[in-house]
Amino acid sequence: MSLQDIIENKKVQISIIIFILAIASIKSFKKENKEIDLKKENNFTIGQIVDHKVYGLSETYYIKFSYSVNGVEYMNSVNNSWKFTDCYKTRKCIGRKFIVYYDKKNPENSFMDFDKEK
């Protein structure tokens, strides 16, 4: 393999990495905007953590929570790599309650605010 081939290969790899980072940034930005919009609507209830799992080689953390809106029970989960990272082992987060913001027109559209424990 020539030096020029190696350089071209590195350019392709760098382009792929930049593309992946751009997509991840856009997804994160959209998620933050969604959460801000739901907070502004100020429709909230109390939710409870019901499960915590870790998936895959990259150890993706998922927190599953339940909440009720107008007598209807809902479940949702969130990929959260910074909160309760030991919970899948200790189970200490199970049962903890936090504010859940939701969309009044579609209560399944929700998020748990881990900064507001009840």
PDB file of N, CA and C in Angstrom:
ATOM      1  N   MET A   1       0.847  -1.170   0.000  1.00  0.00           N
ATOM      2  CA  MET A   1       0.000   0.000   0.000  1.00  0.00           C
ATOM      3  C   MET A   1       0.894   1.235   0.000  1.00  0.00           C
ATOM      4  N   SER A   2       0.597   2.149  -0.887  1.00  0.00           N
ATOM      5  CA  SER A   2       1.417   3.354  -1.009  1.00  0.00           C
ATOM      6  C   SER A   2       1.027   4.373   0.059  1.00  0.00           C
ATOM      7  N   LEU A   3       1.885   5.350   0.219  1.00  0.00           N
ATOM      8  CA  LEU A   3       1.630   6.431   1.170  1.00  0.00           C
ATOM      9  C   LEU A   3       0.348   7.179   0.808  1.00  0.00           C
ATOM     10  N   GLN A   4       0.130   7.373  -0.470  1.00  0.00           N
ATOM     11  CA  GLN A   4      -1.085   8.074  -0.911  1.00  0.00           C
ATOM     12  C   GLN A   4      -2.346   7.260  -0.565  1.00  0.00           C
ATOM     13  N   ASP A   5      -2.282   5.941  -0.700  1.00  0.00           N
ATOM     14  CA  ASP A   5      -3.417   5.088  -0.328  1.00  0.00           C
ATOM     15  C   ASP A   5      -3.707   5.184   1.173  1.00  0.00           C
ATOM     16  N   ILE A   6      -2.655   5.198   1.967  1.00  0.00           N
ATOM     17  CA  ILE A   6      -2.808   5.310   3.421  1.00  0.00           C
ATOM     18  C   ILE A   6      -3.458   6.642   3.777  1.00  0.00           C
ATOM     19  N   ILE A   7      -3.004   7.716   3.137  1.00  0.00           N
ATOM     20  CA  ILE A   7      -3.571   9.046   3.397  1.00  0.00           C
ATOM     21  C   ILE A   7      -5.043   9.081   3.007  1.00  0.00           C
ATOM     22  N   GLU A   8      -5.388   8.520   1.873  1.00  0.00           N
ATOM     23  CA  GLU A   8      -6.790   8.486   1.423  1.00  0.00           C
ATOM     24  C   GLU A   8      -7.651   7.680   2.397  1.00  0.00           C
ATOM     25  N   ASN A   9      -7.107   6.560   2.875  1.00  0.00           N
ATOM     26  CA  ASN A   9      -7.819   5.729   3.832  1.00  0.00           C
ATOM     27  C   ASN A   9      -8.084   6.502   5.126  1.00  0.00           C
ATOM     28  N   LYS A  10      -7.100   7.238   5.605  1.00  0.00           N
ATOM     29  CA  LYS A  10      -7.252   8.052   6.820  1.00  0.00           C
ATOM     30  C   LYS A  10      -8.285   9.146   6.605  1.00  0.00           C
ATOM     31  N   LYS A  11      -8.305   9.751   5.421  1.00  0.00           N
ATOM     32  CA  LYS A  11      -9.290  10.794   5.120  1.00  0.00           C
ATOM     33  C   LYS A  11     -10.705  10.229   5.193  1.00  0.00           C
ATOM     34  N   VAL A  12     -10.890   9.034   4.663  1.00  0.00           N
ATOM     35  CA  VAL A  12     -12.206   8.389   4.705  1.00  0.00           C
ATOM     36  C   VAL A  12     -12.599   8.111   6.151  1.00  0.00           C
ATOM     37  N   GLN A  13     -11.673   7.582   6.934  1.00  0.00           N
ATOM     38  CA  GLN A  13     -11.960   7.280   8.337  1.00  0.00           C
ATOM     39  C   GLN A  13     -12.328   8.554   9.102  1.00  0.00           C
ATOM     40  N   ILE A  14     -11.580   9.611   8.895  1.00  0.00           N
ATOM     41  CA  ILE A  14     -11.860  10.881   9.585  1.00  0.00           C
ATOM     42  C   ILE A  14     -13.221  11.428   9.154  1.00  0.00           C
ATOM     43  N   SER A  15     -13.542  11.318   7.879  1.00  0.00           N
ATOM     44  CA  SER A  15     -14.845  11.786   7.387  1.00  0.00           C
ATOM     45  C   SER A  15     -15.985  11.020   8.042  1.00  0.00           C
ATOM     46  N   ILE A  16     -15.827   9.719   8.185  1.00  0.00           N
ATOM     47  CA  ILE A  16     -16.856   8.893   8.825  1.00  0.00           C
ATOM     48  C   ILE A  16     -17.019   9.287  10.290  1.00  0.00           C
ATOM     49  N   ILE A  17     -15.928   9.485  10.987  1.00  0.00           N
ATOM     50  CA  ILE A  17     -15.980   9.891  12.396  1.00  0.00           C
ATOM     51  C   ILE A  17     -16.666  11.238  12.539  1.00  0.00           C
ATOM     52  N   ILE A  18     -16.336  12.189  11.685  1.00  0.00           N
ATOM     53  CA  ILE A  18     -16.966  13.513  11.736  1.00  0.00           C
ATOM     54  C   ILE A  18     -18.465  13.393  11.473  1.00  0.00           C
ATOM     55  N   PHE A  19     -18.852  12.568  10.519  1.00  0.00           N
ATOM     56  CA  PHE A  19     -20.261  12.367  10.206  1.00  0.00           C
ATOM     57  C   PHE A  19     -21.008  11.786  11.408  1.00  0.00           C
ATOM     58  N   ILE A  20     -20.436  10.776  12.036  1.00  0.00           N
ATOM     59  CA  ILE A  20     -21.075  10.142  13.199  1.00  0.00           C
ATOM     60  C   ILE A  20     -21.213  11.141  14.343  1.00  0.00           C
ATOM     61  N   LEU A  21     -20.181  11.920  14.598  1.00  0.00           N
ATOM     62  CA  LEU A  21     -20.245  12.929  15.656  1.00  0.00           C
ATOM     63  C   LEU A  21     -21.297  13.994  15.356  1.00  0.00           C
ATOM     64  N   ALA A  22     -21.413  14.378  14.092  1.00  0.00           N
ATOM     65  CA  ALA A  22     -22.424  15.373  13.710  1.00  0.00           C
ATOM     66  C   ALA A  22     -23.830  14.836  13.957  1.00  0.00           C
ATOM     67  N   ILE A  23     -24.077  13.599  13.571  1.00  0.00           N
ATOM     68  CA  ILE A  23     -25.395  12.980  13.790  1.00  0.00           C
ATOM     69  C   ILE A  23     -25.700  12.894  15.288  1.00  0.00           C
ATOM     70  N   ALA A  24     -24.728  12.474  16.081  1.00  0.00           N
ATOM     71  CA  ALA A  24     -24.927  12.367  17.527  1.00  0.00           C
ATOM     72  C   ALA A  24     -25.223  13.734  18.135  1.00  0.00           C
ATOM     73  N   SER A  25     -24.529  14.762  17.676  1.00  0.00           N
ATOM     74  CA  SER A  25     -24.759  16.115  18.188  1.00  0.00           C
ATOM     75  C   SER A  25     -26.159  16.603  17.850  1.00  0.00           C
ATOM     76  N   ILE A  26     -26.609  16.341  16.640  1.00  0.00           N
ATOM     77  CA  ILE A  26     -27.948  16.754  16.214  1.00  0.00           C
ATOM     78  C   ILE A  26     -29.007  16.046  17.051  1.00  0.00           C
ATOM     79  N   LYS A  27     -28.837  14.741  17.272  1.00  0.00           N
ATOM     80  CA  LYS A  27     -29.802  13.987  18.077  1.00  0.00           C
ATOM     81  C   LYS A  27     -29.849  14.519  19.504  1.00  0.00           C
ATOM     82  N   SER A  28     -28.703  14.816  20.070  1.00  0.00           N
ATOM     83  CA  SER A  28     -28.641  15.347  21.430  1.00  0.00           C
ATOM     84  C   SER A  28     -29.319  16.711  21.513  1.00  0.00           C
ATOM     85  N   PHE A  29     -29.077  17.556  20.530  1.00  0.00           N
ATOM     86  CA  PHE A  29     -29.675  18.881  20.490  1.00  0.00           C
ATOM     87  C   PHE A  29     -31.195  18.779  20.397  1.00  0.00           C
ATOM     88  N   LYS A  30     -31.700  17.884  19.546  1.00  0.00           N
ATOM     89  CA  LYS A  30     -33.144  17.704  19.399  1.00  0.00           C
ATOM     90  C   LYS A  30     -33.768  17.204  20.698  1.00  0.00           C
ATOM     91  N   LYS A  31     -33.082  16.279  21.378  1.00  0.00           N
ATOM     92  CA  LYS A  31     -33.593  15.749  22.643  1.00  0.00           C
ATOM     93  C   LYS A  31     -33.679  16.852  23.686  1.00  0.00           C
ATOM     94  N   GLU A  32     -32.645  17.684  23.775  1.00  0.00           N
ATOM     95  CA  GLU A  32     -32.654  18.775  24.737  1.00  0.00           C
ATOM     96  C   GLU A  32     -33.771  19.761  24.430  1.00  0.00           C
ATOM     97  N   ASN A  33     -33.998  20.062  23.162  1.00  0.00           N
ATOM     98  CA  ASN A  33     -35.071  20.977  22.786  1.00  0.00           C
ATOM     99  C   ASN A  33     -36.435  20.395  23.136  1.00  0.00           C
ATOM    100  N   LYS A  34     -36.615  19.091  22.909  1.00  0.00           N
ATOM    101  CA  LYS A  34     -37.870  18.432  23.252  1.00  0.00           C
ATOM    102  C   LYS A  34     -38.128  18.556  24.754  1.00  0.00           C
ATOM    103  N   GLU A  35     -37.108  18.315  25.554  1.00  0.00           N
ATOM    104  CA  GLU A  35     -37.259  18.402  27.000  1.00  0.00           C
ATOM    105  C   GLU A  35     -37.578  19.833  27.438  1.00  0.00           C
ATOM    106  N   ILE A  36     -36.936  20.803  26.834  1.00  0.00           N
ATOM    107  CA  ILE A  36     -37.212  22.210  27.158  1.00  0.00           C
ATOM    108  C   ILE A  36     -38.653  22.555  26.816  1.00  0.00           C
ATOM    109  N   ASP A  37     -39.120  22.112  25.649  1.00  0.00           N
ATOM    110  CA  ASP A  37     -40.504  22.380  25.233  1.00  0.00           C
ATOM    111  C   ASP A  37     -41.502  21.747  26.202  1.00  0.00           C
ATOM    112  N   LEU A  38     -41.247  20.501  26.625  1.00  0.00           N
ATOM    113  CA  LEU A  38     -42.158  19.849  27.558  1.00  0.00           C
ATOM    114  C   LEU A  38     -42.169  20.551  28.914  1.00  0.00           C
ATOM    115  N   LYS A  39     -41.027  21.027  29.360  1.00  0.00           N
ATOM    116  CA  LYS A  39     -40.976  21.764  30.626  1.00  0.00           C
ATOM    117  C   LYS A  39     -41.777  23.056  30.527  1.00  0.00           C
ATOM    118  N   LYS A  40     -41.688  23.739  29.387  1.00  0.00           N
ATOM    119  CA  LYS A  40     -42.427  24.984  29.192  1.00  0.00           C
ATOM    120  C   LYS A  40     -43.935  24.753  29.258  1.00  0.00           C
ATOM    121  N   GLU A  41     -44.401  23.607  28.738  1.00  0.00           N
ATOM    122  CA  GLU A  41     -45.833  23.291  28.795  1.00  0.00           C
ATOM    123  C   GLU A  41     -46.294  23.096  30.235  1.00  0.00           C
ATOM    124  N   ASN A  42     -45.380  22.716  31.108  1.00  0.00           N
ATOM    125  CA  ASN A  42     -45.614  22.569  32.548  1.00  0.00           C
ATOM    126  C   ASN A  42     -46.670  21.519  32.893  1.00  0.00           C
ATOM    127  N   ASN A  43     -46.783  20.481  32.074  1.00  0.00           N
ATOM    128  CA  ASN A  43     -47.623  19.332  32.401  1.00  0.00           C
ATOM    129  C   ASN A  43     -46.707  18.286  33.018  1.00  0.00           C
ATOM    130  N   PHE A  44     -46.932  18.000  34.289  1.00  0.00           N
ATOM    131  CA  PHE A  44     -46.055  17.040  34.943  1.00  0.00           C
ATOM    132  C   PHE A  44     -46.826  16.186  35.927  1.00  0.00           C
ATOM    133  N   THR A  45     -46.225  15.073  36.251  1.00  0.00           N
ATOM    134  CA  THR A  45     -46.747  14.141  37.235  1.00  0.00           C
ATOM    135  C   THR A  45     -45.545  13.526  37.942  1.00  0.00           C
ATOM    136  N   ILE A  46     -45.802  12.626  38.865  1.00  0.00           N
ATOM    137  CA  ILE A  46     -44.719  11.930  39.559  1.00  0.00           C
ATOM    138  C   ILE A  46     -44.545  10.560  38.904  1.00  0.00           C
ATOM    139  N   GLY A  47     -43.319  10.236  38.562  1.00  0.00           N
ATOM    140  CA  GLY A  47     -43.012   8.940  37.992  1.00  0.00           C
ATOM    141  C   GLY A  47     -42.093   8.153  38.899  1.00  0.00           C
ATOM    142  N   GLN A  48     -42.043   6.862  38.672  1.00  0.00           N
ATOM    143  CA  GLN A  48     -41.234   5.986  39.510  1.00  0.00           C
ATOM    144  C   GLN A  48     -40.363   5.096  38.640  1.00  0.00           C
ATOM    145  N   ILE A  49     -39.094   4.966  39.017  1.00  0.00           N
ATOM    146  CA  ILE A  49     -38.180   4.069  38.311  1.00  0.00           C
ATOM    147  C   ILE A  49     -38.591   2.635  38.616  1.00  0.00           C
ATOM    148  N   VAL A  50     -38.770   1.839  37.546  1.00  0.00           N
ATOM    149  CA  VAL A  50     -39.200   0.448  37.738  1.00  0.00           C
ATOM    150  C   VAL A  50     -38.151  -0.572  37.295  1.00  0.00           C
ATOM    151  N   ASP A  51     -37.155  -0.118  36.508  1.00  0.00           N
ATOM    152  CA  ASP A  51     -36.124  -1.061  36.072  1.00  0.00           C
ATOM    153  C   ASP A  51     -34.900  -0.294  35.581  1.00  0.00           C
ATOM    154  N   HIS A  52     -33.778  -0.978  35.566  1.00  0.00           N
ATOM    155  CA  HIS A  52     -32.521  -0.415  35.079  1.00  0.00           C
ATOM    156  C   HIS A  52     -31.749  -1.546  34.417  1.00  0.00           C
ATOM    157  N   LYS A  53     -31.358  -1.343  33.165  1.00  0.00           N
ATOM    158  CA  LYS A  53     -30.642  -2.384  32.413  1.00  0.00           C
ATOM    159  C   LYS A  53     -29.427  -1.789  31.722  1.00  0.00           C
ATOM    160  N   VAL A  54     -28.478  -2.657  31.423  1.00  0.00           N
ATOM    161  CA  VAL A  54     -27.298  -2.282  30.660  1.00  0.00           C
ATOM    162  C   VAL A  54     -27.246  -3.212  29.451  1.00  0.00           C
ATOM    163  N   TYR A  55     -27.090  -2.620  28.267  1.00  0.00           N
ATOM    164  CA  TYR A  55     -27.073  -3.403  27.032  1.00  0.00           C
ATOM    165  C   TYR A  55     -25.782  -3.179  26.264  1.00  0.00           C
ATOM    166  N   GLY A  56     -25.325  -4.210  25.593  1.00  0.00           N
ATOM    167  CA  GLY A  56     -24.254  -4.112  24.623  1.00  0.00           C
ATOM    168  C   GLY A  56     -22.860  -4.001  25.194  1.00  0.00           C
ATOM    169  N   LEU A  57     -21.910  -4.084  24.287  1.00  0.00           N
ATOM    170  CA  LEU A  57     -20.501  -3.979  24.654  1.00  0.00           C
ATOM    171  C   LEU A  57     -20.142  -2.585  25.141  1.00  0.00           C
ATOM    172  N   SER A  58     -20.850  -1.577  24.630  1.00  0.00           N
ATOM    173  CA  SER A  58     -20.551  -0.201  25.034  1.00  0.00           C
ATOM    174  C   SER A  58     -21.264   0.178  26.325  1.00  0.00           C
ATOM    175  N   GLU A  59     -21.950  -0.791  26.934  1.00  0.00           N
ATOM    176  CA  GLU A  59     -22.652  -0.590  28.200  1.00  0.00           C
ATOM    177  C   GLU A  59     -23.582   0.614  28.150  1.00  0.00           C
ATOM    178  N   THR A  60     -24.620   0.509  27.329  1.00  0.00           N
ATOM    179  CA  THR A  60     -25.630   1.548  27.234  1.00  0.00           C
ATOM    180  C   THR A  60     -26.627   1.345  28.367  1.00  0.00           C
ATOM    181  N   TYR A  61     -26.808   2.371  29.186  1.00  0.00           N
ATOM    182  CA  TYR A  61     -27.674   2.299  30.357  1.00  0.00           C
ATOM    183  C   TYR A  61     -29.087   2.769  30.003  1.00  0.00           C
ATOM    184  N   TYR A  62     -30.087   1.983  30.397  1.00  0.00           N
ATOM    185  CA  TYR A  62     -31.481   2.352  30.183  1.00  0.00           C
ATOM    186  C   TYR A  62     -32.220   2.321  31.509  1.00  0.00           C
ATOM    187  N   ILE A  63     -32.924   3.400  31.785  1.00  0.00           N
ATOM    188  CA  ILE A  63     -33.753   3.489  32.977  1.00  0.00           C
ATOM    189  C   ILE A  63     -35.207   3.458  32.510  1.00  0.00           C
ATOM    190  N   LYS A  64     -35.968   2.507  33.035  1.00  0.00           N
ATOM    191  CA  LYS A  64     -37.387   2.381  32.694  1.00  0.00           C
ATOM    192  C   LYS A  64     -38.197   2.977  33.843  1.00  0.00           C
ATOM    193  N   PHE A  65     -39.199   3.799  33.491  1.00  0.00           N
ATOM    194  CA  PHE A  65     -40.015   4.420  34.528  1.00  0.00           C
ATOM    195  C   PHE A  65     -41.491   4.375  34.154  1.00  0.00           C
ATOM    196  N   SER A  66     -42.328   4.423  35.183  1.00  0.00           N
ATOM    197  CA  SER A  66     -43.777   4.437  34.980  1.00  0.00           C
ATOM    198  C   SER A  66     -44.333   5.731  35.559  1.00  0.00           C
ATOM    199  N   TYR A  67     -45.468   6.139  35.017  1.00  0.00           N
ATOM    200  CA  TYR A  67     -46.152   7.338  35.487  1.00  0.00           C
ATOM    201  C   TYR A  67     -47.603   7.264  35.043  1.00  0.00           C
ATOM    202  N   SER A  68     -48.444   8.053  35.682  1.00  0.00           N
ATOM    203  CA  SER A  68     -49.868   8.026  35.392  1.00  0.00           C
ATOM    204  C   SER A  68     -50.334   9.428  35.006  1.00  0.00           C
ATOM    205  N   VAL A  69     -51.169   9.491  33.956  1.00  0.00           N
ATOM    206  CA  VAL A  69     -51.780  10.746  33.519  1.00  0.00           C
ATOM    207  C   VAL A  69     -53.271  10.497  33.360  1.00  0.00           C
ATOM    208  N   ASN A  70     -54.068  11.225  34.114  1.00  0.00           N
ATOM    209  CA  ASN A  70     -55.533  11.085  34.071  1.00  0.00           C
ATOM    210  C   ASN A  70     -55.981   9.632  34.237  1.00  0.00           C
ATOM    211  N   GLY A  71     -55.345   8.927  35.153  1.00  0.00           N
ATOM    212  CA  GLY A  71     -55.726   7.556  35.459  1.00  0.00           C
ATOM    213  C   GLY A  71     -55.195   6.503  34.501  1.00  0.00           C
ATOM    214  N   VAL A  72     -54.447   6.906  33.486  1.00  0.00           N
ATOM    215  CA  VAL A  72     -53.869   5.966  32.527  1.00  0.00           C
ATOM    216  C   VAL A  72     -52.390   5.791  32.848  1.00  0.00           C
ATOM    217  N   GLU A  73     -51.971   4.538  32.982  1.00  0.00           N
ATOM    218  CA  GLU A  73     -50.584   4.224  33.314  1.00  0.00           C
ATOM    219  C   GLU A  73     -49.731   4.174  32.046  1.00  0.00           C
ATOM    220  N   TYR A  74     -48.571   4.809  32.092  1.00  0.00           N
ATOM    221  CA  TYR A  74     -47.638   4.828  30.964  1.00  0.00           C
ATOM    222  C   TYR A  74     -46.281   4.334  31.422  1.00  0.00           C
ATOM    223  N   MET A  75     -45.509   3.808  30.465  1.00  0.00           N
ATOM    224  CA  MET A  75     -44.128   3.385  30.706  1.00  0.00           C
ATOM    225  C   MET A  75     -43.261   4.054  29.654  1.00  0.00           C
ATOM    226  N   ASN A  76     -42.076   4.407  30.052  1.00  0.00           N
ATOM    227  CA  ASN A  76     -41.117   4.981  29.120  1.00  0.00           C
ATOM    228  C   ASN A  76     -39.725   4.583  29.595  1.00  0.00           C
ATOM    229  N   SER A  77     -38.751   4.720  28.731  1.00  0.00           N
ATOM    230  CA  SER A  77     -37.370   4.455  29.139  1.00  0.00           C
ATOM    231  C   SER A  77     -36.471   5.523  28.553  1.00  0.00           C
ATOM    232  N   VAL A  78     -35.355   5.691  29.203  1.00  0.00           N
ATOM    233  CA  VAL A  78     -34.400   6.707  28.773  1.00  0.00           C
ATOM    234  C   VAL A  78     -33.003   6.103  28.796  1.00  0.00           C
ATOM    235  N   ASN A  79     -32.230   6.441  27.780  1.00  0.00           N
ATOM    236  CA  ASN A  79     -30.825   6.056  27.724  1.00  0.00           C
ATOM    237  C   ASN A  79     -30.081   7.089  28.551  1.00  0.00           C
ATOM    238  N   ASN A  80     -29.530   6.656  29.663  1.00  0.00           N
ATOM    239  CA  ASN A  80     -28.907   7.611  30.568  1.00  0.00           C
ATOM    240  C   ASN A  80     -27.600   7.039  31.089  1.00  0.00           C
ATOM    241  N   SER A  81     -26.492   7.558  30.597  1.00  0.00           N
ATOM    242  CA  SER A  81     -25.185   7.001  30.970  1.00  0.00           C
ATOM    243  C   SER A  81     -24.549   7.698  32.163  1.00  0.00           C
ATOM    244  N   TRP A  82     -25.196   8.696  32.726  1.00  0.00           N
ATOM    245  CA  TRP A  82     -24.573   9.443  33.810  1.00  0.00           C
ATOM    246  C   TRP A  82     -25.326   9.368  35.119  1.00  0.00           C
ATOM    247  N   LYS A  83     -26.512   8.787  35.135  1.00  0.00           N
ATOM    248  CA  LYS A  83     -27.304   8.735  36.357  1.00  0.00           C
ATOM    249  C   LYS A  83     -27.528   7.278  36.760  1.00  0.00           C
ATOM    250  N   PHE A  84     -27.289   6.986  38.005  1.00  0.00           N
ATOM    251  CA  PHE A  84     -27.534   5.647  38.572  1.00  0.00           C
ATOM    252  C   PHE A  84     -26.759   4.560  37.836  1.00  0.00           C
ATOM    253  N   THR A  85     -25.502   4.798  37.550  1.00  0.00           N
ATOM    254  CA  THR A  85     -24.717   3.830  36.782  1.00  0.00           C
ATOM    255  C   THR A  85     -24.523   2.507  37.523  1.00  0.00           C
ATOM    256  N   ASP A  86     -24.670   2.508  38.834  1.00  0.00           N
ATOM    257  CA  ASP A  86     -24.513   1.260  39.582  1.00  0.00           C
ATOM    258  C   ASP A  86     -25.840   0.567  39.861  1.00  0.00           C
ATOM    259  N   CYS A  87     -26.935   1.149  39.421  1.00  0.00           N
ATOM    260  CA  CYS A  87     -28.260   0.632  39.774  1.00  0.00           C
ATOM    261  C   CYS A  87     -28.533  -0.758  39.215  1.00  0.00           C
ATOM    262  N   TYR A  88     -27.975  -1.071  38.049  1.00  0.00           N
ATOM    263  CA  TYR A  88     -28.230  -2.401  37.498  1.00  0.00           C
ATOM    264  C   TYR A  88     -27.624  -3.487  38.386  1.00  0.00           C
ATOM    265  N   LYS A  89     -26.648  -3.110  39.223  1.00  0.00           N
ATOM    266  CA  LYS A  89     -26.063  -4.067  40.172  1.00  0.00           C
ATOM    267  C   LYS A  89     -26.742  -3.972  41.537  1.00  0.00           C
ATOM    268  N   THR A  90     -26.887  -2.743  42.048  1.00  0.00           N
ATOM    269  CA  THR A  90     -27.391  -2.550  43.408  1.00  0.00           C
ATOM    270  C   THR A  90     -28.910  -2.489  43.490  1.00  0.00           C
ATOM    271  N   ARG A  91     -29.561  -2.073  42.386  1.00  0.00           N
ATOM    272  CA  ARG A  91     -31.021  -1.900  42.311  1.00  0.00           C
ATOM    273  C   ARG A  91     -31.519  -0.799  43.252  1.00  0.00           C
ATOM    274  N   LYS A  92     -30.618   0.052  43.763  1.00  0.00           N
ATOM    275  CA  LYS A  92     -31.003   1.093  44.718  1.00  0.00           C
ATOM    276  C   LYS A  92     -31.849   2.204  44.099  1.00  0.00           C
ATOM    277  N   CYS A  93     -31.836   2.344  42.789  1.00  0.00           N
ATOM    278  CA  CYS A  93     -32.639   3.395  42.160  1.00  0.00           C
ATOM    279  C   CYS A  93     -34.085   2.964  41.947  1.00  0.00           C
ATOM    280  N   ILE A  94     -34.347   1.668  41.984  1.00  0.00           N
ATOM    281  CA  ILE A  94     -35.697   1.157  41.749  1.00  0.00           C
ATOM    282  C   ILE A  94     -36.630   1.682  42.845  1.00  0.00           C
ATOM    283  N   GLY A  95     -37.745   2.253  42.412  1.00  0.00           N
ATOM    284  CA  GLY A  95     -38.719   2.800  43.353  1.00  0.00           C
ATOM    285  C   GLY A  95     -38.555   4.279  43.622  1.00  0.00           C
ATOM    286  N   ARG A  96     -37.445   4.854  43.232  1.00  0.00           N
ATOM    287  CA  ARG A  96     -37.251   6.294  43.443  1.00  0.00           C
ATOM    288  C   ARG A  96     -38.181   7.071  42.526  1.00  0.00           C
ATOM    289  N   LYS A  97     -38.660   8.211  43.021  1.00  0.00           N
ATOM    290  CA  LYS A  97     -39.669   8.988  42.303  1.00  0.00           C
ATOM    291  C   LYS A  97     -39.124  10.353  41.898  1.00  0.00           C
ATOM    292  N   PHE A  98     -39.480  10.731  40.667  1.00  0.00           N
ATOM    293  CA  PHE A  98     -39.042  11.998  40.103  1.00  0.00           C
ATOM    294  C   PHE A  98     -40.189  12.624  39.308  1.00  0.00           C
ATOM    295  N   ILE A  99     -40.065  13.900  39.044  1.00  0.00           N
ATOM    296  CA  ILE A  99     -41.023  14.596  38.188  1.00  0.00           C
ATOM    297  C   ILE A  99     -40.887  14.059  36.760  1.00  0.00           C
ATOM    298  N   VAL A 100     -42.022  13.804  36.119  1.00  0.00           N
ATOM    299  CA  VAL A 100     -42.068  13.418  34.710  1.00  0.00           C
ATOM    300  C   VAL A 100     -42.857  14.488  33.967  1.00  0.00           C
ATOM    301  N   TYR A 101     -42.236  15.108  33.000  1.00  0.00           N
ATOM    302  CA  TYR A 101     -42.910  16.068  32.130  1.00  0.00           C
ATOM    303  C   TYR A 101     -43.450  15.318  30.923  1.00  0.00           C
ATOM    304  N   TYR A 102     -44.656  15.685  30.487  1.00  0.00           N
ATOM    305  CA  TYR A 102     -45.273  14.977  29.368  1.00  0.00           C
ATOM    306  C   TYR A 102     -46.030  15.944  28.472  1.00  0.00           C
ATOM    307  N   ASP A 103     -46.298  15.487  27.278  1.00  0.00           N
ATOM    308  CA  ASP A 103     -47.078  16.241  26.298  1.00  0.00           C
ATOM    309  C   ASP A 103     -48.560  15.977  26.577  1.00  0.00           C
ATOM    310  N   LYS A 104     -49.313  17.035  26.803  1.00  0.00           N
ATOM    311  CA  LYS A 104     -50.726  16.890  27.159  1.00  0.00           C
ATOM    312  C   LYS A 104     -51.515  16.159  26.061  1.00  0.00           C
ATOM    313  N   LYS A 105     -51.165  16.402  24.791  1.00  0.00           N
ATOM    314  CA  LYS A 105     -51.872  15.767  23.680  1.00  0.00           C
ATOM    315  C   LYS A 105     -51.430  14.317  23.468  1.00  0.00           C
ATOM    316  N   ASN A 106     -50.203  14.021  23.869  1.00  0.00           N
ATOM    317  CA  ASN A 106     -49.650  12.679  23.704  1.00  0.00           C
ATOM    318  C   ASN A 106     -48.799  12.348  24.937  1.00  0.00           C
ATOM    319  N   PRO A 107     -49.440  11.901  26.016  1.00  0.00           N
ATOM    320  CA  PRO A 107     -48.701  11.664  27.269  1.00  0.00           C
ATOM    321  C   PRO A 107     -47.564  10.653  27.175  1.00  0.00           C
ATOM    322  N   GLU A 108     -47.558   9.826  26.118  1.00  0.00           N
ATOM    323  CA  GLU A 108     -46.440   8.894  25.945  1.00  0.00           C
ATOM    324  C   GLU A 108     -45.143   9.632  25.638  1.00  0.00           C
ATOM    325  N   ASN A 109     -45.250  10.849  25.131  1.00  0.00           N
ATOM    326  CA  ASN A 109     -44.093  11.703  24.866  1.00  0.00           C
ATOM    327  C   ASN A 109     -43.721  12.363  26.192  1.00  0.00           C
ATOM    328  N   SER A 110     -42.689  11.840  26.836  1.00  0.00           N
ATOM    329  CA  SER A 110     -42.361  12.287  28.190  1.00  0.00           C
ATOM    330  C   SER A 110     -40.870  12.143  28.473  1.00  0.00           C
ATOM    331  N   PHE A 111     -40.456  12.738  29.568  1.00  0.00           N
ATOM    332  CA  PHE A 111     -39.112  12.486  30.086  1.00  0.00           C
ATOM    333  C   PHE A 111     -39.108  12.667  31.591  1.00  0.00           C
ATOM    334  N   MET A 112     -38.256  11.910  32.237  1.00  0.00           N
ATOM    335  CA  MET A 112     -38.101  11.995  33.687  1.00  0.00           C
ATOM    336  C   MET A 112     -36.992  12.982  34.000  1.00  0.00           C
ATOM    337  N   ASP A 113     -37.280  13.929  34.888  1.00  0.00           N
ATOM    338  CA  ASP A 113     -36.301  14.949  35.291  1.00  0.00           C
ATOM    339  C   ASP A 113     -35.572  14.461  36.529  1.00  0.00           C
ATOM    340  N   PHE A 114     -34.367  13.927  36.340  1.00  0.00           N
ATOM    341  CA  PHE A 114     -33.605  13.344  37.436  1.00  0.00           C
ATOM    342  C   PHE A 114     -33.069  14.384  38.410  1.00  0.00           C
ATOM    343  N   ASP A 115     -33.257  15.651  38.111  1.00  0.00           N
ATOM    344  CA  ASP A 115     -32.853  16.712  39.033  1.00  0.00           C
ATOM    345  C   ASP A 115     -33.973  17.069  40.015  1.00  0.00           C
ATOM    346  N   LYS A 116     -35.156  16.474  39.825  1.00  0.00           N
ATOM    347  CA  LYS A 116     -36.309  16.824  40.674  1.00  0.00           C
ATOM    348  C   LYS A 116     -36.899  15.568  41.307  1.00  0.00           C
ATOM    349  N   GLU A 117     -36.214  15.107  42.345  1.00  0.00           N
ATOM    350  CA  GLU A 117     -36.686  13.914  43.049  1.00  0.00           C
ATOM    351  C   GLU A 117     -37.810  14.293  44.002  1.00  0.00           C
ATOM    352  N   LYS A 118     -38.766  13.400  44.134  1.00  0.00           N
ATOM    353  CA  LYS A 118     -39.920  13.604  45.021  1.00  0.00           C
ATOM    354  C   LYS A 118     -39.923  12.588  46.129  1.00  0.00           C
TER     355      LYS A 118
END
